[in-house]
Amino acid sequence: MKKAGIKHDWITYIPVDYSNESWVDKLLGAGFDKTKKTLFLWQSVSLYLEADIVKETLRKMADLCVDGSIIAQDFYSKAFMLGEISKIAKKNMSIIEKMGEPWKFTINMSNDPKAAVESFLKECGLKMTEYIQFGEKLDIEPFYCIVEAEKL
């Protein structure tokens, strides 16, 4: 951001191991103000976590949010992870797994992808407000989506 000339002195980056640390404690310890509207941008993280950790994290985000806050999240489809959609993706996932970071969490998007994602978010105390799906223009099962959500 510095190279691009984007003001960023108000942003705080907090590294966390979701499997072994309390990200909420780290966030609050860094001065997070629960009374302000917040954008949680949680992309390219959940696929490396177990489903219960993803659900717990999203529930805690919902609990921390005041009205008007947004959670932006991405999800991959189960078929994509299994290599059913792309041979290149299957090869890349094999390499990633050998590096010690296997994909663990996906959503089954084979029937009604939007409803599947919406249902998962509801389990986490969230209401989907935006949904962008990738794959249908390629005439294949959706393989990825980006969503915005807010607490119920």
N, C-alpha and C. Protein backbone atom coordinates (compact mmCIF):
# COMPACT_ATOMS: atom_id res chain seq x y z
N MET A 1 0.82 -1.18 0.00
CA MET A 1 0.00 0.00 0.00
C MET A 1 0.87 1.25 0.00
N LYS A 2 2.00 1.15 0.67
CA LYS A 2 2.91 2.30 0.71
C LYS A 2 3.38 2.65 -0.70
N LYS A 3 3.78 1.64 -1.47
CA LYS A 3 4.23 1.87 -2.84
C LYS A 3 3.14 2.48 -3.70
N ALA A 4 1.90 2.10 -3.45
CA ALA A 4 0.78 2.60 -4.24
C ALA A 4 0.30 3.97 -3.76
N GLY A 5 0.87 4.45 -2.67
CA GLY A 5 0.48 5.74 -2.14
C GLY A 5 -0.87 5.74 -1.45
N ILE A 6 -1.28 4.57 -0.96
CA ILE A 6 -2.56 4.45 -0.28
C ILE A 6 -2.35 4.63 1.22
N LYS A 7 -3.09 5.56 1.78
CA LYS A 7 -2.98 5.80 3.21
C LYS A 7 -3.42 4.54 3.96
N HIS A 8 -2.58 4.06 4.84
CA HIS A 8 -2.87 2.80 5.54
C HIS A 8 -2.45 2.81 7.01
N ASP A 9 -2.16 3.97 7.55
CA ASP A 9 -1.70 4.03 8.93
C ASP A 9 -2.79 3.68 9.94
N TRP A 10 -4.03 3.62 9.48
CA TRP A 10 -5.15 3.27 10.36
C TRP A 10 -5.44 1.77 10.35
N ILE A 11 -4.73 1.01 9.52
CA ILE A 11 -4.94 -0.44 9.42
C ILE A 11 -3.97 -1.16 10.34
N THR A 12 -4.50 -2.14 11.07
CA THR A 12 -3.67 -2.97 11.93
C THR A 12 -3.75 -4.41 11.46
N TYR A 13 -2.62 -5.00 11.17
CA TYR A 13 -2.56 -6.41 10.77
C TYR A 13 -2.23 -7.24 12.00
N ILE A 14 -3.01 -8.29 12.21
CA ILE A 14 -2.81 -9.13 13.39
C ILE A 14 -2.65 -10.58 12.93
N PRO A 15 -1.44 -11.10 12.96
CA PRO A 15 -1.26 -12.51 12.58
C PRO A 15 -1.84 -13.44 13.64
N VAL A 16 -2.45 -14.54 13.18
CA VAL A 16 -3.06 -15.48 14.12
C VAL A 16 -3.10 -16.88 13.52
N ASP A 17 -2.95 -17.85 14.35
CA ASP A 17 -3.13 -19.25 13.98
C ASP A 17 -4.50 -19.65 14.50
N TYR A 18 -5.49 -19.67 13.63
CA TYR A 18 -6.88 -19.91 14.04
C TYR A 18 -7.07 -21.23 14.75
N SER A 19 -6.21 -22.19 14.47
CA SER A 19 -6.34 -23.50 15.10
C SER A 19 -5.83 -23.53 16.53
N ASN A 20 -4.92 -22.59 16.87
CA ASN A 20 -4.25 -22.66 18.17
C ASN A 20 -4.27 -21.38 18.99
N GLU A 21 -4.82 -20.30 18.46
CA GLU A 21 -4.82 -19.04 19.18
C GLU A 21 -6.21 -18.42 19.17
N SER A 22 -6.47 -17.55 20.12
CA SER A 22 -7.73 -16.82 20.15
C SER A 22 -7.57 -15.54 19.35
N TRP A 23 -8.12 -15.53 18.16
CA TRP A 23 -8.02 -14.33 17.33
C TRP A 23 -8.81 -13.18 17.96
N VAL A 24 -9.88 -13.51 18.70
CA VAL A 24 -10.67 -12.46 19.37
C VAL A 24 -9.82 -11.76 20.42
N ASP A 25 -9.10 -12.54 21.23
CA ASP A 25 -8.22 -11.94 22.25
C ASP A 25 -7.16 -11.07 21.60
N LYS A 26 -6.58 -11.56 20.50
CA LYS A 26 -5.55 -10.77 19.81
C LYS A 26 -6.13 -9.49 19.24
N LEU A 27 -7.33 -9.59 18.69
CA LEU A 27 -7.99 -8.42 18.11
C LEU A 27 -8.30 -7.38 19.18
N LEU A 28 -8.91 -7.84 20.26
CA LEU A 28 -9.24 -6.92 21.36
C LEU A 28 -7.97 -6.34 21.99
N GLY A 29 -6.93 -7.16 22.10
CA GLY A 29 -5.66 -6.70 22.65
C GLY A 29 -4.98 -5.66 21.79
N ALA A 30 -5.29 -5.65 20.50
CA ALA A 30 -4.70 -4.67 19.59
C ALA A 30 -5.52 -3.38 19.52
N GLY A 31 -6.60 -3.33 20.34
CA GLY A 31 -7.36 -2.10 20.42
C GLY A 31 -8.65 -2.08 19.61
N PHE A 32 -9.13 -3.23 19.17
CA PHE A 32 -10.37 -3.29 18.40
C PHE A 32 -11.52 -2.69 19.20
N ASP A 33 -12.29 -1.82 18.56
CA ASP A 33 -13.42 -1.16 19.20
C ASP A 33 -14.71 -1.82 18.73
N LYS A 34 -15.34 -2.58 19.61
CA LYS A 34 -16.56 -3.34 19.27
C LYS A 34 -17.76 -2.43 19.02
N THR A 35 -17.64 -1.15 19.30
CA THR A 35 -18.78 -0.24 19.12
C THR A 35 -18.81 0.38 17.73
N LYS A 36 -17.78 0.14 16.91
CA LYS A 36 -17.71 0.75 15.58
C LYS A 36 -18.05 -0.26 14.49
N LYS A 37 -18.64 0.25 13.41
CA LYS A 37 -18.89 -0.59 12.25
C LYS A 37 -17.56 -1.11 11.74
N THR A 38 -17.57 -2.38 11.33
CA THR A 38 -16.32 -3.03 10.94
C THR A 38 -16.50 -3.81 9.64
N LEU A 39 -15.46 -3.85 8.85
CA LEU A 39 -15.40 -4.75 7.70
C LEU A 39 -14.42 -5.85 8.05
N PHE A 40 -14.93 -7.07 8.19
CA PHE A 40 -14.06 -8.23 8.34
C PHE A 40 -13.86 -8.80 6.95
N LEU A 41 -12.64 -8.77 6.45
CA LEU A 41 -12.32 -9.33 5.14
C LEU A 41 -11.57 -10.63 5.40
N TRP A 42 -12.27 -11.75 5.21
CA TRP A 42 -11.71 -13.06 5.56
C TRP A 42 -11.66 -13.93 4.31
N GLN A 43 -10.70 -13.65 3.46
CA GLN A 43 -10.59 -14.37 2.19
C GLN A 43 -9.36 -15.26 2.18
N SER A 44 -9.53 -16.40 1.50
CA SER A 44 -8.46 -17.38 1.31
C SER A 44 -7.88 -17.87 2.63
N VAL A 45 -8.74 -18.01 3.63
CA VAL A 45 -8.32 -18.53 4.93
C VAL A 45 -9.10 -19.79 5.27
N SER A 46 -10.43 -19.73 5.14
CA SER A 46 -11.27 -20.82 5.63
C SER A 46 -10.98 -22.16 4.96
N LEU A 47 -10.53 -22.16 3.72
CA LEU A 47 -10.29 -23.43 3.04
C LEU A 47 -9.19 -24.25 3.70
N TYR A 48 -8.34 -23.63 4.50
CA TYR A 48 -7.26 -24.34 5.18
C TYR A 48 -7.63 -24.78 6.60
N LEU A 49 -8.87 -24.51 7.01
CA LEU A 49 -9.30 -24.80 8.38
C LEU A 49 -10.36 -25.90 8.41
N GLU A 50 -10.50 -26.53 9.55
CA GLU A 50 -11.56 -27.51 9.74
C GLU A 50 -12.90 -26.77 9.80
N ALA A 51 -13.97 -27.45 9.41
CA ALA A 51 -15.30 -26.84 9.35
C ALA A 51 -15.73 -26.23 10.68
N ASP A 52 -15.44 -26.91 11.79
CA ASP A 52 -15.86 -26.38 13.09
C ASP A 52 -15.15 -25.07 13.43
N ILE A 53 -13.89 -24.93 13.00
CA ILE A 53 -13.15 -23.69 13.25
C ILE A 53 -13.71 -22.56 12.39
N VAL A 54 -14.09 -22.88 11.14
CA VAL A 54 -14.69 -21.88 10.26
C VAL A 54 -15.99 -21.38 10.87
N LYS A 55 -16.84 -22.30 11.29
CA LYS A 55 -18.12 -21.92 11.89
C LYS A 55 -17.91 -21.08 13.15
N GLU A 56 -17.02 -21.52 14.01
CA GLU A 56 -16.76 -20.80 15.26
C GLU A 56 -16.23 -19.39 14.99
N THR A 57 -15.33 -19.27 14.02
CA THR A 57 -14.76 -17.97 13.69
C THR A 57 -15.84 -17.03 13.16
N LEU A 58 -16.67 -17.52 12.24
CA LEU A 58 -17.73 -16.67 11.69
C LEU A 58 -18.75 -16.30 12.76
N ARG A 59 -19.06 -17.22 13.66
CA ARG A 59 -19.99 -16.90 14.77
C ARG A 59 -19.41 -15.80 15.65
N LYS A 60 -18.11 -15.90 15.94
CA LYS A 60 -17.48 -14.88 16.78
C LYS A 60 -17.43 -13.53 16.07
N MET A 61 -17.22 -13.55 14.75
CA MET A 61 -17.25 -12.30 14.00
C MET A 61 -18.64 -11.67 14.12
N ALA A 62 -19.67 -12.50 13.96
CA ALA A 62 -21.05 -12.01 14.08
C ALA A 62 -21.29 -11.42 15.47
N ASP A 63 -20.77 -12.09 16.49
CA ASP A 63 -20.95 -11.61 17.87
C ASP A 63 -20.26 -10.27 18.10
N LEU A 64 -19.13 -10.04 17.43
CA LEU A 64 -18.37 -8.81 17.60
C LEU A 64 -18.95 -7.64 16.82
N CYS A 65 -19.78 -7.94 15.84
CA CYS A 65 -20.27 -6.90 14.93
C CYS A 65 -21.39 -6.06 15.54
N VAL A 66 -21.34 -4.77 15.25
CA VAL A 66 -22.48 -3.91 15.51
C VAL A 66 -23.27 -3.83 14.21
N ASP A 67 -24.50 -3.39 14.30
CA ASP A 67 -25.32 -3.25 13.09
C ASP A 67 -24.59 -2.40 12.07
N GLY A 68 -24.65 -2.83 10.82
CA GLY A 68 -23.98 -2.12 9.75
C GLY A 68 -22.60 -2.67 9.42
N SER A 69 -22.09 -3.56 10.24
CA SER A 69 -20.80 -4.20 9.95
C SER A 69 -20.97 -5.22 8.84
N ILE A 70 -19.88 -5.50 8.15
CA ILE A 70 -19.91 -6.44 7.02
C ILE A 70 -18.82 -7.48 7.19
N ILE A 71 -19.16 -8.71 6.87
CA ILE A 71 -18.17 -9.78 6.79
C ILE A 71 -18.10 -10.21 5.33
N ALA A 72 -16.93 -10.11 4.73
CA ALA A 72 -16.71 -10.54 3.35
C ALA A 72 -15.90 -11.84 3.40
N GLN A 73 -16.37 -12.84 2.70
CA GLN A 73 -15.83 -14.20 2.83
C GLN A 73 -15.87 -14.88 1.47
N ASP A 74 -14.93 -15.77 1.23
CA ASP A 74 -14.98 -16.59 0.02
C ASP A 74 -15.13 -18.05 0.40
N PHE A 75 -15.73 -18.81 -0.51
CA PHE A 75 -15.91 -20.25 -0.32
C PHE A 75 -15.62 -20.98 -1.62
N TYR A 76 -14.97 -22.12 -1.50
CA TYR A 76 -14.74 -23.01 -2.64
C TYR A 76 -15.71 -24.17 -2.59
N SER A 77 -16.01 -24.72 -3.76
CA SER A 77 -16.92 -25.86 -3.82
C SER A 77 -16.18 -27.16 -3.53
N LYS A 78 -16.93 -28.11 -3.05
CA LYS A 78 -16.38 -29.44 -2.77
C LYS A 78 -15.85 -30.08 -4.05
N ALA A 79 -16.57 -29.94 -5.15
CA ALA A 79 -16.14 -30.53 -6.43
C ALA A 79 -14.81 -29.95 -6.88
N PHE A 80 -14.59 -28.67 -6.65
CA PHE A 80 -13.32 -28.05 -7.03
C PHE A 80 -12.18 -28.64 -6.22
N MET A 81 -12.40 -28.77 -4.90
CA MET A 81 -11.37 -29.33 -4.04
C MET A 81 -11.02 -30.77 -4.42
N LEU A 82 -12.03 -31.52 -4.83
CA LEU A 82 -11.80 -32.92 -5.20
C LEU A 82 -11.18 -33.07 -6.58
N GLY A 83 -10.99 -31.95 -7.29
CA GLY A 83 -10.38 -31.99 -8.61
C GLY A 83 -11.33 -32.40 -9.71
N GLU A 84 -12.62 -32.35 -9.45
CA GLU A 84 -13.62 -32.76 -10.44
C GLU A 84 -13.85 -31.69 -11.51
N ILE A 85 -13.43 -30.47 -11.26
CA ILE A 85 -13.69 -29.37 -12.19
C ILE A 85 -12.46 -29.02 -13.01
N SER A 86 -11.29 -29.13 -12.43
CA SER A 86 -10.07 -28.71 -13.11
C SER A 86 -8.90 -29.64 -12.77
N LYS A 87 -8.28 -30.18 -13.81
CA LYS A 87 -7.09 -31.02 -13.60
C LYS A 87 -5.93 -30.18 -13.08
N ILE A 88 -5.85 -28.95 -13.53
CA ILE A 88 -4.77 -28.06 -13.06
C ILE A 88 -4.94 -27.77 -11.57
N ALA A 89 -6.19 -27.52 -11.17
CA ALA A 89 -6.45 -27.27 -9.75
C ALA A 89 -6.10 -28.49 -8.91
N LYS A 90 -6.43 -29.66 -9.41
CA LYS A 90 -6.12 -30.90 -8.69
C LYS A 90 -4.61 -31.04 -8.50
N LYS A 91 -3.85 -30.74 -9.53
CA LYS A 91 -2.39 -30.82 -9.45
C LYS A 91 -1.86 -29.79 -8.44
N ASN A 92 -2.38 -28.56 -8.52
CA ASN A 92 -1.93 -27.52 -7.59
C ASN A 92 -2.26 -27.86 -6.14
N MET A 93 -3.43 -28.43 -5.92
CA MET A 93 -3.81 -28.80 -4.56
C MET A 93 -2.91 -29.90 -4.01
N SER A 94 -2.47 -30.79 -4.89
CA SER A 94 -1.53 -31.84 -4.49
C SER A 94 -0.21 -31.23 -4.03
N ILE A 95 0.25 -30.23 -4.75
CA ILE A 95 1.49 -29.54 -4.38
C ILE A 95 1.32 -28.82 -3.05
N ILE A 96 0.20 -28.13 -2.88
CA ILE A 96 -0.07 -27.40 -1.64
C ILE A 96 -0.13 -28.37 -0.46
N GLU A 97 -0.75 -29.52 -0.68
CA GLU A 97 -0.85 -30.50 0.40
C GLU A 97 0.54 -31.01 0.80
N LYS A 98 1.41 -31.23 -0.18
CA LYS A 98 2.78 -31.68 0.12
C LYS A 98 3.55 -30.63 0.91
N MET A 99 3.15 -29.37 0.76
CA MET A 99 3.79 -28.28 1.49
C MET A 99 3.23 -28.17 2.91
N GLY A 100 2.25 -29.01 3.25
CA GLY A 100 1.71 -29.02 4.60
C GLY A 100 0.49 -28.14 4.81
N GLU A 101 -0.12 -27.68 3.74
CA GLU A 101 -1.30 -26.82 3.86
C GLU A 101 -2.45 -27.37 3.02
N PRO A 102 -2.96 -28.54 3.36
CA PRO A 102 -4.05 -29.11 2.56
C PRO A 102 -5.35 -28.33 2.74
N TRP A 103 -6.16 -28.36 1.68
CA TRP A 103 -7.49 -27.76 1.78
C TRP A 103 -8.36 -28.67 2.63
N LYS A 104 -9.12 -28.07 3.52
CA LYS A 104 -9.95 -28.85 4.44
C LYS A 104 -11.42 -28.49 4.37
N PHE A 105 -11.74 -27.23 4.10
CA PHE A 105 -13.12 -26.79 4.18
C PHE A 105 -13.65 -26.32 2.83
N THR A 106 -14.78 -26.85 2.45
CA THR A 106 -15.48 -26.44 1.24
C THR A 106 -16.98 -26.52 1.51
N ILE A 107 -17.74 -26.07 0.56
CA ILE A 107 -19.21 -26.18 0.63
C ILE A 107 -19.67 -26.95 -0.60
N ASN A 108 -20.59 -27.86 -0.41
CA ASN A 108 -21.15 -28.61 -1.53
C ASN A 108 -22.04 -27.66 -2.33
N MET A 109 -21.60 -27.32 -3.53
CA MET A 109 -22.33 -26.39 -4.38
C MET A 109 -22.97 -27.10 -5.58
N SER A 110 -23.15 -28.41 -5.49
CA SER A 110 -23.62 -29.18 -6.65
C SER A 110 -25.08 -28.95 -6.99
N ASN A 111 -25.92 -28.63 -6.04
CA ASN A 111 -27.34 -28.45 -6.33
C ASN A 111 -27.70 -26.97 -6.46
N ASP A 112 -27.91 -26.32 -5.37
CA ASP A 112 -28.25 -24.90 -5.35
C ASP A 112 -27.16 -24.18 -4.57
N PRO A 113 -26.11 -23.74 -5.26
CA PRO A 113 -24.95 -23.16 -4.57
C PRO A 113 -25.30 -21.99 -3.66
N LYS A 114 -26.12 -21.09 -4.14
CA LYS A 114 -26.47 -19.91 -3.34
C LYS A 114 -27.19 -20.32 -2.06
N ALA A 115 -28.12 -21.26 -2.17
CA ALA A 115 -28.85 -21.73 -0.99
C ALA A 115 -27.93 -22.45 -0.02
N ALA A 116 -26.96 -23.21 -0.54
CA ALA A 116 -26.02 -23.94 0.32
C ALA A 116 -25.17 -22.96 1.13
N VAL A 117 -24.68 -21.93 0.47
CA VAL A 117 -23.86 -20.92 1.16
C VAL A 117 -24.70 -20.13 2.15
N GLU A 118 -25.90 -19.76 1.73
CA GLU A 118 -26.80 -19.01 2.61
C GLU A 118 -27.14 -19.82 3.86
N SER A 119 -27.37 -21.11 3.70
CA SER A 119 -27.68 -21.98 4.83
C SER A 119 -26.49 -22.09 5.78
N PHE A 120 -25.29 -22.24 5.22
CA PHE A 120 -24.09 -22.32 6.06
C PHE A 120 -23.92 -21.03 6.87
N LEU A 121 -24.07 -19.89 6.21
CA LEU A 121 -23.92 -18.61 6.91
C LEU A 121 -24.96 -18.45 8.01
N LYS A 122 -26.17 -18.91 7.75
CA LYS A 122 -27.22 -18.82 8.77
C LYS A 122 -26.83 -19.62 10.01
N GLU A 123 -26.21 -20.79 9.81
CA GLU A 123 -25.72 -21.59 10.94
C GLU A 123 -24.71 -20.81 11.78
N CYS A 124 -24.05 -19.85 11.15
CA CYS A 124 -23.02 -19.06 11.82
C CYS A 124 -23.57 -17.75 12.39
N GLY A 125 -24.89 -17.56 12.31
CA GLY A 125 -25.50 -16.34 12.82
C GLY A 125 -25.40 -15.18 11.86
N LEU A 126 -25.27 -15.49 10.57
CA LEU A 126 -25.10 -14.45 9.56
C LEU A 126 -26.18 -14.52 8.49
N LYS A 127 -26.47 -13.36 7.93
CA LYS A 127 -27.42 -13.24 6.82
C LYS A 127 -26.64 -12.77 5.60
N MET A 128 -26.74 -13.53 4.50
CA MET A 128 -26.03 -13.16 3.28
C MET A 128 -26.69 -11.94 2.65
N THR A 129 -25.88 -10.94 2.30
CA THR A 129 -26.40 -9.73 1.68
C THR A 129 -25.93 -9.56 0.25
N GLU A 130 -24.83 -10.18 -0.11
CA GLU A 130 -24.31 -10.15 -1.49
C GLU A 130 -23.74 -11.53 -1.81
N TYR A 131 -23.86 -11.93 -3.08
CA TYR A 131 -23.38 -13.25 -3.51
C TYR A 131 -22.88 -13.15 -4.94
N ILE A 132 -21.62 -13.46 -5.15
CA ILE A 132 -21.03 -13.49 -6.49
C ILE A 132 -20.46 -14.88 -6.70
N GLN A 133 -20.92 -15.53 -7.76
CA GLN A 133 -20.57 -16.93 -8.02
C GLN A 133 -19.71 -17.03 -9.28
N PHE A 134 -18.76 -17.92 -9.26
CA PHE A 134 -17.88 -18.13 -10.40
C PHE A 134 -18.03 -19.55 -10.92
N GLY A 135 -18.09 -19.69 -12.24
CA GLY A 135 -18.15 -21.01 -12.86
C GLY A 135 -19.30 -21.19 -13.82
N GLU A 136 -20.43 -20.55 -13.55
CA GLU A 136 -21.61 -20.80 -14.39
C GLU A 136 -21.40 -20.33 -15.83
N LYS A 137 -20.60 -19.30 -16.06
CA LYS A 137 -20.34 -18.83 -17.42
C LYS A 137 -19.47 -19.82 -18.20
N LEU A 138 -18.78 -20.69 -17.48
CA LEU A 138 -17.96 -21.73 -18.12
C LEU A 138 -18.78 -22.99 -18.36
N ASP A 139 -20.06 -22.92 -18.02
CA ASP A 139 -20.97 -24.05 -18.14
C ASP A 139 -20.50 -25.25 -17.32
N ILE A 140 -20.01 -24.95 -16.12
CA ILE A 140 -19.61 -25.99 -15.18
C ILE A 140 -20.25 -25.69 -13.83
N GLU A 141 -20.17 -26.66 -12.95
CA GLU A 141 -20.66 -26.43 -11.60
C GLU A 141 -19.89 -25.26 -10.99
N PRO A 142 -20.57 -24.37 -10.28
CA PRO A 142 -19.85 -23.28 -9.62
C PRO A 142 -18.71 -23.83 -8.76
N PHE A 143 -17.58 -23.15 -8.82
CA PHE A 143 -16.43 -23.64 -8.07
C PHE A 143 -15.99 -22.70 -6.96
N TYR A 144 -16.56 -21.50 -6.93
CA TYR A 144 -16.08 -20.49 -5.98
C TYR A 144 -17.13 -19.41 -5.87
N CYS A 145 -17.22 -18.80 -4.69
CA CYS A 145 -18.08 -17.63 -4.54
C CYS A 145 -17.48 -16.68 -3.52
N ILE A 146 -17.90 -15.45 -3.65
CA ILE A 146 -17.55 -14.42 -2.69
C ILE A 146 -18.86 -13.88 -2.14
N VAL A 147 -18.94 -13.74 -0.84
CA VAL A 147 -20.18 -13.26 -0.23
C VAL A 147 -19.90 -12.12 0.73
N GLU A 148 -20.93 -11.33 0.94
CA GLU A 148 -20.95 -10.37 2.03
C GLU A 148 -22.08 -10.81 2.95
N ALA A 149 -21.87 -10.66 4.23
CA ALA A 149 -22.89 -11.04 5.20
C ALA A 149 -22.88 -10.06 6.36
N GLU A 150 -23.99 -10.08 7.08
CA GLU A 150 -24.11 -9.28 8.31
C GLU A 150 -24.77 -10.17 9.35
N LYS A 151 -24.67 -9.78 10.61
CA LYS A 151 -25.25 -10.61 11.65
C LYS A 151 -26.77 -10.62 11.55
N LEU A 152 -27.35 -11.74 11.96
CA LEU A 152 -28.83 -11.87 11.92
C LEU A 152 -29.48 -10.91 12.89
